[in-house]
Amino acid sequence: MAKKSFTLKEYKGYMGRFKFDEEDGNFKGRIVEIDDVVTFRSRKQGKPLQKAFEEAVNKYLETCRILGKKPEKPFSGNFTVCVSPELHKKAFLKAEEEGKSLNDWVEGIMIKALK
């Protein structure tokens, strides 16, 4: 059975997820939604774990600065959704009927669903 992971409070636009590792008794996590691998760990949950995450973000940003590399940003606002051709057509026609682009129509649906 897979261990459940949990999300930490966002910091500087980054999000961290963590799990408890029973083998070594640490909470281990990583920054999510970026290709670079940035990890952190803490013996305690709560503020110590959040602090470890924030330190990892700060070290990542500092390392990128030193290397002259632009840090990756999570959640660019672009993602791909695969649907059947029939559903794609229906969505397109509905958006057109409402005088919207497909992107604007889908965004509106998502906003309503996530309220």
PDB file of N, CA and C in Angstrom:
ATOM      1  N   MET A   1       0.842  -1.183   0.000  1.00  0.00           N
ATOM      2  CA  MET A   1       0.000   0.000   0.000  1.00  0.00           C
ATOM      3  C   MET A   1       0.888   1.248   0.000  1.00  0.00           C
ATOM      4  N   ALA A   2       0.595   2.197  -0.873  1.00  0.00           N
ATOM      5  CA  ALA A   2       1.392   3.418  -0.980  1.00  0.00           C
ATOM      6  C   ALA A   2       1.144   4.322   0.219  1.00  0.00           C
ATOM      7  N   LYS A   3       2.203   4.984   0.659  1.00  0.00           N
ATOM      8  CA  LYS A   3       2.080   5.927   1.758  1.00  0.00           C
ATOM      9  C   LYS A   3       1.470   7.217   1.229  1.00  0.00           C
ATOM     10  N   LYS A   4       0.598   7.798   2.014  1.00  0.00           N
ATOM     11  CA  LYS A   4      -0.053   9.041   1.624  1.00  0.00           C
ATOM     12  C   LYS A   4       0.928  10.196   1.764  1.00  0.00           C
ATOM     13  N   SER A   5       0.885  11.102   0.800  1.00  0.00           N
ATOM     14  CA  SER A   5       1.732  12.297   0.889  1.00  0.00           C
ATOM     15  C   SER A   5       0.852  13.496   1.212  1.00  0.00           C
ATOM     16  N   PHE A   6       1.493  14.518   1.793  1.00  0.00           N
ATOM     17  CA  PHE A   6       0.789  15.714   2.241  1.00  0.00           C
ATOM     18  C   PHE A   6       1.467  16.949   1.669  1.00  0.00           C
ATOM     19  N   THR A   7       0.702  18.015   1.497  1.00  0.00           N
ATOM     20  CA  THR A   7       1.214  19.256   0.937  1.00  0.00           C
ATOM     21  C   THR A   7       1.499  20.254   2.045  1.00  0.00           C
ATOM     22  N   LEU A   8       2.616  20.964   1.908  1.00  0.00           N
ATOM     23  CA  LEU A   8       2.992  22.020   2.841  1.00  0.00           C
ATOM     24  C   LEU A   8       2.453  23.357   2.362  1.00  0.00           C
ATOM     25  N   LYS A   9       2.487  24.351   3.241  1.00  0.00           N
ATOM     26  CA  LYS A   9       2.065  25.697   2.883  1.00  0.00           C
ATOM     27  C   LYS A   9       2.990  26.239   1.791  1.00  0.00           C
ATOM     28  N   GLU A  10       2.414  26.884   0.803  1.00  0.00           N
ATOM     29  CA  GLU A  10       3.173  27.445  -0.314  1.00  0.00           C
ATOM     30  C   GLU A  10       4.200  28.456   0.189  1.00  0.00           C
ATOM     31  N   TYR A  11       5.349  28.474  -0.473  1.00  0.00           N
ATOM     32  CA  TYR A  11       6.409  29.414  -0.108  1.00  0.00           C
ATOM     33  C   TYR A  11       7.083  29.908  -1.384  1.00  0.00           C
ATOM     34  N   LYS A  12       7.070  31.217  -1.579  1.00  0.00           N
ATOM     35  CA  LYS A  12       7.665  31.872  -2.749  1.00  0.00           C
ATOM     36  C   LYS A  12       7.180  31.254  -4.064  1.00  0.00           C
ATOM     37  N   GLY A  13       5.922  30.854  -4.078  1.00  0.00           N
ATOM     38  CA  GLY A  13       5.329  30.286  -5.287  1.00  0.00           C
ATOM     39  C   GLY A  13       5.580  28.803  -5.465  1.00  0.00           C
ATOM     40  N   TYR A  14       6.287  28.174  -4.555  1.00  0.00           N
ATOM     41  CA  TYR A  14       6.604  26.750  -4.650  1.00  0.00           C
ATOM     42  C   TYR A  14       5.777  25.968  -3.644  1.00  0.00           C
ATOM     43  N   MET A  15       5.518  24.716  -3.998  1.00  0.00           N
ATOM     44  CA  MET A  15       4.780  23.831  -3.098  1.00  0.00           C
ATOM     45  C   MET A  15       5.627  22.604  -2.807  1.00  0.00           C
ATOM     46  N   GLY A  16       5.530  22.137  -1.587  1.00  0.00           N
ATOM     47  CA  GLY A  16       6.259  20.943  -1.196  1.00  0.00           C
ATOM     48  C   GLY A  16       5.307  19.844  -0.783  1.00  0.00           C
ATOM     49  N   ARG A  17       5.668  18.607  -1.074  1.00  0.00           N
ATOM     50  CA  ARG A  17       4.900  17.442  -0.639  1.00  0.00           C
ATOM     51  C   ARG A  17       5.834  16.575   0.187  1.00  0.00           C
ATOM     52  N   PHE A  18       5.286  15.899   1.186  1.00  0.00           N
ATOM     53  CA  PHE A  18       6.125  15.066   2.033  1.00  0.00           C
ATOM     54  C   PHE A  18       5.411  13.795   2.464  1.00  0.00           C
ATOM     55  N   LYS A  19       6.215  12.827   2.869  1.00  0.00           N
ATOM     56  CA  LYS A  19       5.736  11.564   3.425  1.00  0.00           C
ATOM     57  C   LYS A  19       6.599  11.235   4.625  1.00  0.00           C
ATOM     58  N   PHE A  20       6.070  10.419   5.496  1.00  0.00           N
ATOM     59  CA  PHE A  20       6.855   9.932   6.626  1.00  0.00           C
ATOM     60  C   PHE A  20       7.553   8.651   6.201  1.00  0.00           C
ATOM     61  N   ASP A  21       8.866   8.579   6.425  1.00  0.00           N
ATOM     62  CA  ASP A  21       9.656   7.394   6.107  1.00  0.00           C
ATOM     63  C   ASP A  21       9.850   6.595   7.395  1.00  0.00           C
ATOM     64  N   GLU A  22       9.156   5.485   7.508  1.00  0.00           N
ATOM     65  CA  GLU A  22       9.211   4.677   8.726  1.00  0.00           C
ATOM     66  C   GLU A  22      10.595   4.070   8.958  1.00  0.00           C
ATOM     67  N   GLU A  23      11.348   3.840   7.886  1.00  0.00           N
ATOM     68  CA  GLU A  23      12.667   3.219   8.026  1.00  0.00           C
ATOM     69  C   GLU A  23      13.635   4.088   8.820  1.00  0.00           C
ATOM     70  N   ASP A  24      13.665   5.369   8.554  1.00  0.00           N
ATOM     71  CA  ASP A  24      14.624   6.231   9.274  1.00  0.00           C
ATOM     72  C   ASP A  24      13.951   7.258  10.196  1.00  0.00           C
ATOM     73  N   GLY A  25      12.619   7.230  10.257  1.00  0.00           N
ATOM     74  CA  GLY A  25      11.910   8.099  11.194  1.00  0.00           C
ATOM     75  C   GLY A  25      11.909   9.569  10.838  1.00  0.00           C
ATOM     76  N   ASN A  26      12.098   9.879   9.558  1.00  0.00           N
ATOM     77  CA  ASN A  26      12.103  11.271   9.109  1.00  0.00           C
ATOM     78  C   ASN A  26      10.921  11.541   8.191  1.00  0.00           C
ATOM     79  N   PHE A  27      10.520  12.798   8.164  1.00  0.00           N
ATOM     80  CA  PHE A  27       9.582  13.269   7.164  1.00  0.00           C
ATOM     81  C   PHE A  27      10.442  13.708   5.978  1.00  0.00           C
ATOM     82  N   LYS A  28      10.155  13.172   4.797  1.00  0.00           N
ATOM     83  CA  LYS A  28      10.941  13.496   3.605  1.00  0.00           C
ATOM     84  C   LYS A  28      10.026  14.085   2.553  1.00  0.00           C
ATOM     85  N   GLY A  29      10.531  15.126   1.894  1.00  0.00           N
ATOM     86  CA  GLY A  29       9.707  15.769   0.890  1.00  0.00           C
ATOM     87  C   GLY A  29      10.514  16.317  -0.261  1.00  0.00           C
ATOM     88  N   ARG A  30       9.788  16.894  -1.192  1.00  0.00           N
ATOM     89  CA  ARG A  30      10.416  17.544  -2.343  1.00  0.00           C
ATOM     90  C   ARG A  30       9.526  18.658  -2.854  1.00  0.00           C
ATOM     91  N   ILE A  31      10.150  19.576  -3.570  1.00  0.00           N
ATOM     92  CA  ILE A  31       9.396  20.627  -4.251  1.00  0.00           C
ATOM     93  C   ILE A  31       8.708  19.969  -5.441  1.00  0.00           C
ATOM     94  N   VAL A  32       7.434  20.241  -5.625  1.00  0.00           N
ATOM     95  CA  VAL A  32       6.664  19.603  -6.694  1.00  0.00           C
ATOM     96  C   VAL A  32       6.444  20.548  -7.868  1.00  0.00           C
ATOM     97  N   GLU A  33       6.123  19.943  -8.993  1.00  0.00           N
ATOM     98  CA  GLU A  33       5.789  20.653 -10.229  1.00  0.00           C
ATOM     99  C   GLU A  33       6.963  21.391 -10.855  1.00  0.00           C
ATOM    100  N   ILE A  34       8.180  20.934 -10.577  1.00  0.00           N
ATOM    101  CA  ILE A  34       9.359  21.411 -11.307  1.00  0.00           C
ATOM    102  C   ILE A  34      10.174  20.179 -11.687  1.00  0.00           C
ATOM    103  N   ASP A  35      10.968  20.282 -12.750  1.00  0.00           N
ATOM    104  CA  ASP A  35      11.787  19.149 -13.180  1.00  0.00           C
ATOM    105  C   ASP A  35      13.031  18.979 -12.317  1.00  0.00           C
ATOM    106  N   ASP A  36      13.582  20.083 -11.803  1.00  0.00           N
ATOM    107  CA  ASP A  36      14.734  19.974 -10.913  1.00  0.00           C
ATOM    108  C   ASP A  36      14.313  19.203  -9.668  1.00  0.00           C
ATOM    109  N   VAL A  37      15.222  18.389  -9.143  1.00  0.00           N
ATOM    110  CA  VAL A  37      14.918  17.607  -7.949  1.00  0.00           C
ATOM    111  C   VAL A  37      15.456  18.350  -6.734  1.00  0.00           C
ATOM    112  N   VAL A  38      14.551  18.837  -5.895  1.00  0.00           N
ATOM    113  CA  VAL A  38      14.911  19.573  -4.686  1.00  0.00           C
ATOM    114  C   VAL A  38      14.189  18.885  -3.525  1.00  0.00           C
ATOM    115  N   THR A  39      14.972  18.330  -2.619  1.00  0.00           N
ATOM    116  CA  THR A  39      14.401  17.578  -1.511  1.00  0.00           C
ATOM    117  C   THR A  39      14.688  18.250  -0.169  1.00  0.00           C
ATOM    118  N   PHE A  40      13.967  17.805   0.847  1.00  0.00           N
ATOM    119  CA  PHE A  40      14.176  18.295   2.204  1.00  0.00           C
ATOM    120  C   PHE A  40      13.730  17.202   3.163  1.00  0.00           C
ATOM    121  N   ARG A  41      14.147  17.332   4.429  1.00  0.00           N
ATOM    122  CA  ARG A  41      13.767  16.349   5.435  1.00  0.00           C
ATOM    123  C   ARG A  41      13.747  16.990   6.809  1.00  0.00           C
ATOM    124  N   SER A  42      12.983  16.374   7.704  1.00  0.00           N
ATOM    125  CA  SER A  42      12.893  16.857   9.071  1.00  0.00           C
ATOM    126  C   SER A  42      12.477  15.693   9.966  1.00  0.00           C
ATOM    127  N   ARG A  43      12.968  15.713  11.184  1.00  0.00           N
ATOM    128  CA  ARG A  43      12.551  14.687  12.154  1.00  0.00           C
ATOM    129  C   ARG A  43      11.146  14.972  12.674  1.00  0.00           C
ATOM    130  N   LYS A  44      10.742  16.247  12.625  1.00  0.00           N
ATOM    131  CA  LYS A  44       9.443  16.634  13.177  1.00  0.00           C
ATOM    132  C   LYS A  44       8.565  17.259  12.104  1.00  0.00           C
ATOM    133  N   GLN A  45       7.273  17.069  12.274  1.00  0.00           N
ATOM    134  CA  GLN A  45       6.287  17.673  11.387  1.00  0.00           C
ATOM    135  C   GLN A  45       6.018  19.098  11.865  1.00  0.00           C
ATOM    136  N   GLY A  46       5.109  19.814  11.238  1.00  0.00           N
ATOM    137  CA  GLY A  46       4.751  21.165  11.661  1.00  0.00           C
ATOM    138  C   GLY A  46       5.785  22.185  11.269  1.00  0.00           C
ATOM    139  N   LYS A  47       6.088  23.114  12.188  1.00  0.00           N
ATOM    140  CA  LYS A  47       7.003  24.214  11.883  1.00  0.00           C
ATOM    141  C   LYS A  47       8.393  23.747  11.454  1.00  0.00           C
ATOM    142  N   PRO A  48       8.984  22.723  12.096  1.00  0.00           N
ATOM    143  CA  PRO A  48      10.310  22.286  11.640  1.00  0.00           C
ATOM    144  C   PRO A  48      10.313  21.781  10.187  1.00  0.00           C
ATOM    145  N   LEU A  49       9.261  21.075   9.805  1.00  0.00           N
ATOM    146  CA  LEU A  49       9.173  20.568   8.430  1.00  0.00           C
ATOM    147  C   LEU A  49       8.955  21.713   7.447  1.00  0.00           C
ATOM    148  N   GLN A  50       8.081  22.658   7.813  1.00  0.00           N
ATOM    149  CA  GLN A  50       7.858  23.826   6.959  1.00  0.00           C
ATOM    150  C   GLN A  50       9.153  24.607   6.799  1.00  0.00           C
ATOM    151  N   LYS A  51       9.910  24.748   7.880  1.00  0.00           N
ATOM    152  CA  LYS A  51      11.183  25.475   7.831  1.00  0.00           C
ATOM    153  C   LYS A  51      12.171  24.756   6.905  1.00  0.00           C
ATOM    154  N   ALA A  52      12.238  23.432   6.980  1.00  0.00           N
ATOM    155  CA  ALA A  52      13.133  22.661   6.109  1.00  0.00           C
ATOM    156  C   ALA A  52      12.757  22.870   4.640  1.00  0.00           C
ATOM    157  N   PHE A  53      11.457  22.894   4.358  1.00  0.00           N
ATOM    158  CA  PHE A  53      10.972  23.146   3.001  1.00  0.00           C
ATOM    159  C   PHE A  53      11.380  24.541   2.533  1.00  0.00           C
ATOM    160  N   GLU A  54      11.154  25.546   3.369  1.00  0.00           N
ATOM    161  CA  GLU A  54      11.499  26.919   3.004  1.00  0.00           C
ATOM    162  C   GLU A  54      13.003  27.070   2.794  1.00  0.00           C
ATOM    163  N   GLU A  55      13.803  26.413   3.614  1.00  0.00           N
ATOM    164  CA  GLU A  55      15.263  26.446   3.428  1.00  0.00           C
ATOM    165  C   GLU A  55      15.653  25.793   2.109  1.00  0.00           C
ATOM    166  N   ALA A  56      14.976  24.716   1.733  1.00  0.00           N
ATOM    167  CA  ALA A  56      15.249  24.052   0.454  1.00  0.00           C
ATOM    168  C   ALA A  56      14.926  24.977  -0.714  1.00  0.00           C
ATOM    169  N   VAL A  57      13.803  25.692  -0.620  1.00  0.00           N
ATOM    170  CA  VAL A  57      13.425  26.643  -1.676  1.00  0.00           C
ATOM    171  C   VAL A  57      14.487  27.738  -1.764  1.00  0.00           C
ATOM    172  N   ASN A  58      14.879  28.293  -0.624  1.00  0.00           N
ATOM    173  CA  ASN A  58      15.889  29.360  -0.622  1.00  0.00           C
ATOM    174  C   ASN A  58      17.218  28.879  -1.197  1.00  0.00           C
ATOM    175  N   LYS A  59      17.641  27.673  -0.841  1.00  0.00           N
ATOM    176  CA  LYS A  59      18.892  27.115  -1.375  1.00  0.00           C
ATOM    177  C   LYS A  59      18.778  26.891  -2.877  1.00  0.00           C
ATOM    178  N   TYR A  60      17.622  26.408  -3.322  1.00  0.00           N
ATOM    179  CA  TYR A  60      17.397  26.205  -4.754  1.00  0.00           C
ATOM    180  C   TYR A  60      17.520  27.527  -5.511  1.00  0.00           C
ATOM    181  N   LEU A  61      16.855  28.560  -5.003  1.00  0.00           N
ATOM    182  CA  LEU A  61      16.902  29.861  -5.676  1.00  0.00           C
ATOM    183  C   LEU A  61      18.321  30.434  -5.668  1.00  0.00           C
ATOM    184  N   GLU A  62      19.032  30.269  -4.569  1.00  0.00           N
ATOM    185  CA  GLU A  62      20.410  30.754  -4.473  1.00  0.00           C
ATOM    186  C   GLU A  62      21.330  29.982  -5.412  1.00  0.00           C
ATOM    187  N   THR A  63      21.166  28.673  -5.479  1.00  0.00           N
ATOM    188  CA  THR A  63      21.975  27.857  -6.394  1.00  0.00           C
ATOM    189  C   THR A  63      21.728  28.276  -7.837  1.00  0.00           C
ATOM    190  N   CYS A  64      20.488  28.491  -8.190  1.00  0.00           N
ATOM    191  CA  CYS A  64      20.167  28.951  -9.553  1.00  0.00           C
ATOM    192  C   CYS A  64      20.833  30.290  -9.833  1.00  0.00           C
ATOM    193  N   ARG A  65      20.786  31.197  -8.847  1.00  0.00           N
ATOM    194  CA  ARG A  65      21.414  32.513  -9.028  1.00  0.00           C
ATOM    195  C   ARG A  65      22.908  32.359  -9.258  1.00  0.00           C
ATOM    196  N   ILE A  66      23.575  31.544  -8.456  1.00  0.00           N
ATOM    197  CA  ILE A  66      25.023  31.335  -8.578  1.00  0.00           C
ATOM    198  C   ILE A  66      25.375  30.732  -9.934  1.00  0.00           C
ATOM    199  N   LEU A  67      24.543  29.789 -10.396  1.00  0.00           N
ATOM    200  CA  LEU A  67      24.798  29.121 -11.680  1.00  0.00           C
ATOM    201  C   LEU A  67      24.347  29.944 -12.879  1.00  0.00           C
ATOM    202  N   GLY A  68      23.664  31.058 -12.625  1.00  0.00           N
ATOM    203  CA  GLY A  68      23.143  31.870 -13.721  1.00  0.00           C
ATOM    204  C   GLY A  68      21.997  31.187 -14.444  1.00  0.00           C
ATOM    205  N   LYS A  69      21.301  30.330 -13.735  1.00  0.00           N
ATOM    206  CA  LYS A  69      20.182  29.569 -14.296  1.00  0.00           C
ATOM    207  C   LYS A  69      18.866  30.180 -13.830  1.00  0.00           C
ATOM    208  N   LYS A  70      17.918  30.265 -14.713  1.00  0.00           N
ATOM    209  CA  LYS A  70      16.597  30.758 -14.335  1.00  0.00           C
ATOM    210  C   LYS A  70      15.873  29.649 -13.570  1.00  0.00           C
ATOM    211  N   PRO A  71      15.427  29.929 -12.333  1.00  0.00           N
ATOM    212  CA  PRO A  71      14.715  28.898 -11.566  1.00  0.00           C
ATOM    213  C   PRO A  71      13.412  28.508 -12.250  1.00  0.00           C
ATOM    214  N   GLU A  72      13.116  27.235 -12.184  1.00  0.00           N
ATOM    215  CA  GLU A  72      11.843  26.777 -12.731  1.00  0.00           C
ATOM    216  C   GLU A  72      10.715  27.309 -11.860  1.00  0.00           C
ATOM    217  N   LYS A  73       9.602  27.577 -12.477  1.00  0.00           N
ATOM    218  CA  LYS A  73       8.416  28.014 -11.751  1.00  0.00           C
ATOM    219  C   LYS A  73       7.340  26.944 -11.921  1.00  0.00           C
ATOM    220  N   PRO A  74       6.721  26.551 -10.819  1.00  0.00           N
ATOM    221  CA  PRO A  74       5.631  25.583 -10.940  1.00  0.00           C
ATOM    222  C   PRO A  74       4.383  26.246 -11.499  1.00  0.00           C
ATOM    223  N   PHE A  75       3.532  25.453 -12.040  1.00  0.00           N
ATOM    224  CA  PHE A  75       2.210  25.907 -12.481  1.00  0.00           C
ATOM    225  C   PHE A  75       2.300  27.077 -13.452  1.00  0.00           C
ATOM    226  N   SER A  76       2.766  26.767 -14.636  1.00  0.00           N
ATOM    227  CA  SER A  76       2.929  27.784 -15.678  1.00  0.00           C
ATOM    228  C   SER A  76       1.596  28.328 -16.178  1.00  0.00           C
ATOM    229  N   GLY A  77       0.526  27.592 -15.922  1.00  0.00           N
ATOM    230  CA  GLY A  77      -0.768  27.996 -16.456  1.00  0.00           C
ATOM    231  C   GLY A  77      -1.119  27.223 -17.709  1.00  0.00           C
ATOM    232  N   ASN A  78      -0.212  26.387 -18.166  1.00  0.00           N
ATOM    233  CA  ASN A  78      -0.451  25.544 -19.342  1.00  0.00           C
ATOM    234  C   ASN A  78      -0.462  24.086 -18.918  1.00  0.00           C
ATOM    235  N   PHE A  79      -1.477  23.363 -19.355  1.00  0.00           N
ATOM    236  CA  PHE A  79      -1.491  21.926 -19.152  1.00  0.00           C
ATOM    237  C   PHE A  79      -2.325  21.289 -20.251  1.00  0.00           C
ATOM    238  N   THR A  80      -2.060  20.030 -20.503  1.00  0.00           N
ATOM    239  CA  THR A  80      -2.736  19.316 -21.566  1.00  0.00           C
ATOM    240  C   THR A  80      -3.769  18.373 -20.973  1.00  0.00           C
ATOM    241  N   VAL A  81      -4.934  18.377 -21.547  1.00  0.00           N
ATOM    242  CA  VAL A  81      -5.986  17.460 -21.144  1.00  0.00           C
ATOM    243  C   VAL A  81      -6.381  16.650 -22.367  1.00  0.00           C
ATOM    244  N   CYS A  82      -6.346  15.344 -22.250  1.00  0.00           N
ATOM    245  CA  CYS A  82      -6.725  14.475 -23.364  1.00  0.00           C
ATOM    246  C   CYS A  82      -8.163  14.025 -23.189  1.00  0.00           C
ATOM    247  N   VAL A  83      -8.964  14.275 -24.199  1.00  0.00           N
ATOM    248  CA  VAL A  83     -10.372  13.876 -24.199  1.00  0.00           C
ATOM    249  C   VAL A  83     -10.682  13.229 -25.537  1.00  0.00           C
ATOM    250  N   SER A  84     -11.849  12.637 -25.643  1.00  0.00           N
ATOM    251  CA  SER A  84     -12.249  12.021 -26.908  1.00  0.00           C
ATOM    252  C   SER A  84     -12.482  13.116 -27.949  1.00  0.00           C
ATOM    253  N   PRO A  85     -12.341  12.789 -29.216  1.00  0.00           N
ATOM    254  CA  PRO A  85     -12.624  13.777 -30.261  1.00  0.00           C
ATOM    255  C   PRO A  85     -14.054  14.319 -30.181  1.00  0.00           C
ATOM    256  N   GLU A  86     -14.993  13.466 -29.782  1.00  0.00           N
ATOM    257  CA  GLU A  86     -16.387  13.900 -29.677  1.00  0.00           C
ATOM    258  C   GLU A  86     -16.555  14.960 -28.580  1.00  0.00           C
ATOM    259  N   LEU A  87     -15.933  14.729 -27.426  1.00  0.00           N
ATOM    260  CA  LEU A  87     -16.017  15.696 -26.338  1.00  0.00           C
ATOM    261  C   LEU A  87     -15.311  16.998 -26.710  1.00  0.00           C
ATOM    262  N   HIS A  88     -14.181  16.899 -27.373  1.00  0.00           N
ATOM    263  CA  HIS A  88     -13.452  18.080 -27.835  1.00  0.00           C
ATOM    264  C   HIS A  88     -14.350  18.922 -28.741  1.00  0.00           C
ATOM    265  N   LYS A  89     -15.017  18.261 -29.671  1.00  0.00           N
ATOM    266  CA  LYS A  89     -15.899  18.965 -30.611  1.00  0.00           C
ATOM    267  C   LYS A  89     -17.064  19.631 -29.872  1.00  0.00           C
ATOM    268  N   LYS A  90     -17.696  18.894 -28.940  1.00  0.00           N
ATOM    269  CA  LYS A  90     -18.822  19.457 -28.189  1.00  0.00           C
ATOM    270  C   LYS A  90     -18.389  20.668 -27.382  1.00  0.00           C
ATOM    271  N   ALA A  91     -17.240  20.589 -26.751  1.00  0.00           N
ATOM    272  CA  ALA A  91     -16.737  21.714 -25.952  1.00  0.00           C
ATOM    273  C   ALA A  91     -16.443  22.909 -26.849  1.00  0.00           C
ATOM    274  N   PHE A  92     -15.819  22.662 -27.977  1.00  0.00           N
ATOM    275  CA  PHE A  92     -15.519  23.739 -28.921  1.00  0.00           C
ATOM    276  C   PHE A  92     -16.797  24.430 -29.371  1.00  0.00           C
ATOM    277  N   LEU A  93     -17.801  23.637 -29.744  1.00  0.00           N
ATOM    278  CA  LEU A  93     -19.059  24.210 -30.223  1.00  0.00           C
ATOM    279  C   LEU A  93     -19.773  24.992 -29.122  1.00  0.00           C
ATOM    280  N   LYS A  94     -19.741  24.485 -27.884  1.00  0.00           N
ATOM    281  CA  LYS A  94     -20.370  25.189 -26.762  1.00  0.00           C
ATOM    282  C   LYS A  94     -19.662  26.519 -26.513  1.00  0.00           C
ATOM    283  N   ALA A  95     -18.333  26.502 -26.556  1.00  0.00           N
ATOM    284  CA  ALA A  95     -17.564  27.737 -26.359  1.00  0.00           C
ATOM    285  C   ALA A  95     -17.897  28.740 -27.460  1.00  0.00           C
ATOM    286  N   GLU A  96     -17.945  28.255 -28.683  1.00  0.00           N
ATOM    287  CA  GLU A  96     -18.262  29.132 -29.818  1.00  0.00           C
ATOM    288  C   GLU A  96     -19.665  29.716 -29.670  1.00  0.00           C
ATOM    289  N   GLU A  97     -20.594  28.901 -29.227  1.00  0.00           N
ATOM    290  CA  GLU A  97     -21.973  29.342 -29.008  1.00  0.00           C
ATOM    291  C   GLU A  97     -22.031  30.470 -27.973  1.00  0.00           C
ATOM    292  N   GLU A  98     -21.140  30.416 -26.989  1.00  0.00           N
ATOM    293  CA  GLU A  98     -21.097  31.442 -25.946  1.00  0.00           C
ATOM    294  C   GLU A  98     -20.166  32.598 -26.309  1.00  0.00           C
ATOM    295  N   GLY A  99     -19.605  32.557 -27.533  1.00  0.00           N
ATOM    296  CA  GLY A  99     -18.738  33.639 -27.983  1.00  0.00           C
ATOM    297  C   GLY A  99     -17.384  33.668 -27.298  1.00  0.00           C
ATOM    298  N   LYS A 100     -16.918  32.496 -26.875  1.00  0.00           N
ATOM    299  CA  LYS A 100     -15.642  32.412 -26.163  1.00  0.00           C
ATOM    300  C   LYS A 100     -14.682  31.486 -26.899  1.00  0.00           C
ATOM    301  N   SER A 101     -13.398  31.670 -26.610  1.00  0.00           N
ATOM    302  CA  SER A 101     -12.423  30.690 -27.087  1.00  0.00           C
ATOM    303  C   SER A 101     -12.580  29.438 -26.231  1.00  0.00           C
ATOM    304  N   LEU A 102     -12.086  28.318 -26.706  1.00  0.00           N
ATOM    305  CA  LEU A 102     -12.157  27.083 -25.931  1.00  0.00           C
ATOM    306  C   LEU A 102     -11.400  27.247 -24.610  1.00  0.00           C
ATOM    307  N   ASN A 103     -10.243  27.901 -24.645  1.00  0.00           N
ATOM    308  CA  ASN A 103      -9.480  28.129 -23.411  1.00  0.00           C
ATOM    309  C   ASN A 103     -10.286  28.943 -22.405  1.00  0.00           C
ATOM    310  N   ASP A 104     -10.898  30.045 -22.840  1.00  0.00           N
ATOM    311  CA  ASP A 104     -11.683  30.881 -21.933  1.00  0.00           C
ATOM    312  C   ASP A 104     -12.884  30.124 -21.373  1.00  0.00           C
ATOM    313  N   TRP A 105     -13.518  29.323 -22.219  1.00  0.00           N
ATOM    314  CA  TRP A 105     -14.671  28.554 -21.783  1.00  0.00           C
ATOM    315  C   TRP A 105     -14.274  27.533 -20.710  1.00  0.00           C
ATOM    316  N   VAL A 106     -13.188  26.772 -20.973  1.00  0.00           N
ATOM    317  CA  VAL A 106     -12.721  25.768 -20.008  1.00  0.00           C
ATOM    318  C   VAL A 106     -12.291  26.443 -18.706  1.00  0.00           C
ATOM    319  N   GLU A 107     -11.618  27.579 -18.800  1.00  0.00           N
ATOM    320  CA  GLU A 107     -11.193  28.298 -17.599  1.00  0.00           C
ATOM    321  C   GLU A 107     -12.412  28.700 -16.760  1.00  0.00           C
ATOM    322  N   GLY A 108     -13.464  29.181 -17.416  1.00  0.00           N
ATOM    323  CA  GLY A 108     -14.684  29.554 -16.708  1.00  0.00           C
ATOM    324  C   GLY A 108     -15.327  28.364 -16.005  1.00  0.00           C
ATOM    325  N   ILE A 109     -15.354  27.229 -16.665  1.00  0.00           N
ATOM    326  CA  ILE A 109     -15.897  26.001 -16.073  1.00  0.00           C
ATOM    327  C   ILE A 109     -15.075  25.625 -14.845  1.00  0.00           C
ATOM    328  N   MET A 110     -13.759  25.699 -14.945  1.00  0.00           N
ATOM    329  CA  MET A 110     -12.883  25.340 -13.837  1.00  0.00           C
ATOM    330  C   MET A 110     -13.070  26.282 -12.645  1.00  0.00           C
ATOM    331  N   ILE A 111     -13.192  27.569 -12.924  1.00  0.00           N
ATOM    332  CA  ILE A 111     -13.406  28.547 -11.854  1.00  0.00           C
ATOM    333  C   ILE A 111     -14.680  28.224 -11.100  1.00  0.00           C
ATOM    334  N   LYS A 112     -15.750  27.938 -11.828  1.00  0.00           N
ATOM    335  CA  LYS A 112     -17.022  27.604 -11.182  1.00  0.00           C
ATOM    336  C   LYS A 112     -16.894  26.318 -10.357  1.00  0.00           C
ATOM    337  N   ALA A 113     -16.225  25.325 -10.902  1.00  0.00           N
ATOM    338  CA  ALA A 113     -16.112  24.034 -10.223  1.00  0.00           C
ATOM    339  C   ALA A 113     -15.244  24.108  -8.976  1.00  0.00           C
ATOM    340  N   LEU A 114     -14.304  25.035  -8.925  1.00  0.00           N
ATOM    341  CA  LEU A 114     -13.371  25.094  -7.817  1.00  0.00           C
ATOM    342  C   LEU A 114     -13.745  26.101  -6.732  1.00  0.00           C
ATOM    343  N   LYS A 115     -14.911  26.725  -6.856  1.00  0.00           N
ATOM    344  CA  LYS A 115     -15.358  27.687  -5.826  1.00  0.00           C
ATOM    345  C   LYS A 115     -15.794  26.953  -4.587  1.00  0.00           C
TER     346      LYS A 115
END
